[in-house]
């Protein structure tokens, strides 16, 4: 909530769950070495599920 600039009650009652998920996607991610991981140019449901579960996307 602090990263987004929302209060706890705003996050619970004023913003939809889908919008909170999209806001989470804007938070930068870093690998174990501290290097920033670039987000994909296009977001798929598989990317969203992998990020939501905290796992890395496995490329085939």
Protein backbone atom coordinates (compact mmCIF):
# COMPACT_ATOMS: atom_id res chain seq x y z
CA UNK A 1 0.00 0.00 0.00
CA UNK A 2 2.85 2.37 0.75
CA UNK A 3 4.33 1.86 -2.72
CA UNK A 4 1.01 2.78 -4.36
CA UNK A 5 0.24 5.72 -2.07
CA UNK A 6 -3.02 4.17 -0.81
CA UNK A 7 -4.29 3.87 2.71
CA UNK A 8 -5.34 0.47 4.05
CA UNK A 9 -9.04 1.33 3.85
CA UNK A 10 -8.66 2.68 0.28
CA UNK A 11 -7.00 -0.57 -0.77
CA UNK A 12 -9.80 -2.59 0.82
CA UNK A 13 -12.88 -0.54 -0.03
CA UNK A 14 -12.15 1.95 -2.84
CA UNK A 15 -10.02 0.02 -5.34
CA UNK A 16 -11.13 -3.16 -7.11
CA UNK A 17 -9.16 -6.38 -6.76
CA UNK A 18 -8.31 -6.34 -10.48
CA UNK A 19 -6.86 -2.84 -10.19
CA UNK A 20 -4.76 -3.89 -7.18
CA UNK A 21 -3.37 -6.79 -9.25
CA UNK A 22 -2.50 -4.37 -12.08
CA UNK A 23 -0.87 -2.01 -9.58
CA UNK A 24 1.23 -4.93 -8.33
CA UNK A 25 2.44 -5.52 -11.87
CA UNK A 26 3.97 -2.02 -11.87
CA UNK A 27 6.21 -2.83 -8.88
CA UNK A 28 9.74 -3.59 -10.15
CA UNK A 29 11.13 -7.09 -9.62
CA UNK A 30 14.77 -7.97 -8.90
CA UNK A 31 16.69 -11.24 -9.12
CA UNK A 32 18.88 -12.65 -6.33
CA UNK A 33 21.88 -10.58 -7.50
CA UNK A 34 19.92 -7.32 -7.32
CA UNK A 35 19.54 -6.89 -11.09
CA UNK A 36 16.23 -5.51 -12.27
CA UNK A 37 14.07 -8.00 -14.19
CA UNK A 38 12.46 -6.35 -17.20
CA UNK A 39 8.72 -7.05 -17.59
CA UNK A 40 7.48 -8.64 -20.82
CA UNK A 41 6.27 -6.28 -23.55
CA UNK A 42 2.91 -8.04 -23.60
CA UNK A 43 1.29 -9.54 -20.52
CA UNK A 44 -0.41 -12.91 -20.83
CA UNK A 45 -2.50 -14.75 -18.26
CA UNK A 46 0.40 -17.21 -17.89
CA UNK A 47 2.76 -14.32 -16.99
CA UNK A 48 0.23 -12.98 -14.51
CA UNK A 49 -0.26 -16.37 -12.86
CA UNK A 50 3.50 -16.95 -12.61
CA UNK A 51 4.10 -13.51 -11.11
CA UNK A 52 1.14 -13.86 -8.76
CA UNK A 53 2.52 -17.15 -7.44
CA UNK A 54 6.01 -15.67 -7.15
CA UNK A 55 7.56 -18.06 -9.64
CA UNK A 56 9.67 -17.21 -12.64
CA UNK A 57 8.23 -17.64 -16.11
CA UNK A 58 9.75 -20.69 -17.82
CA UNK A 59 10.50 -20.09 -21.50
CA UNK A 60 10.10 -23.03 -23.84
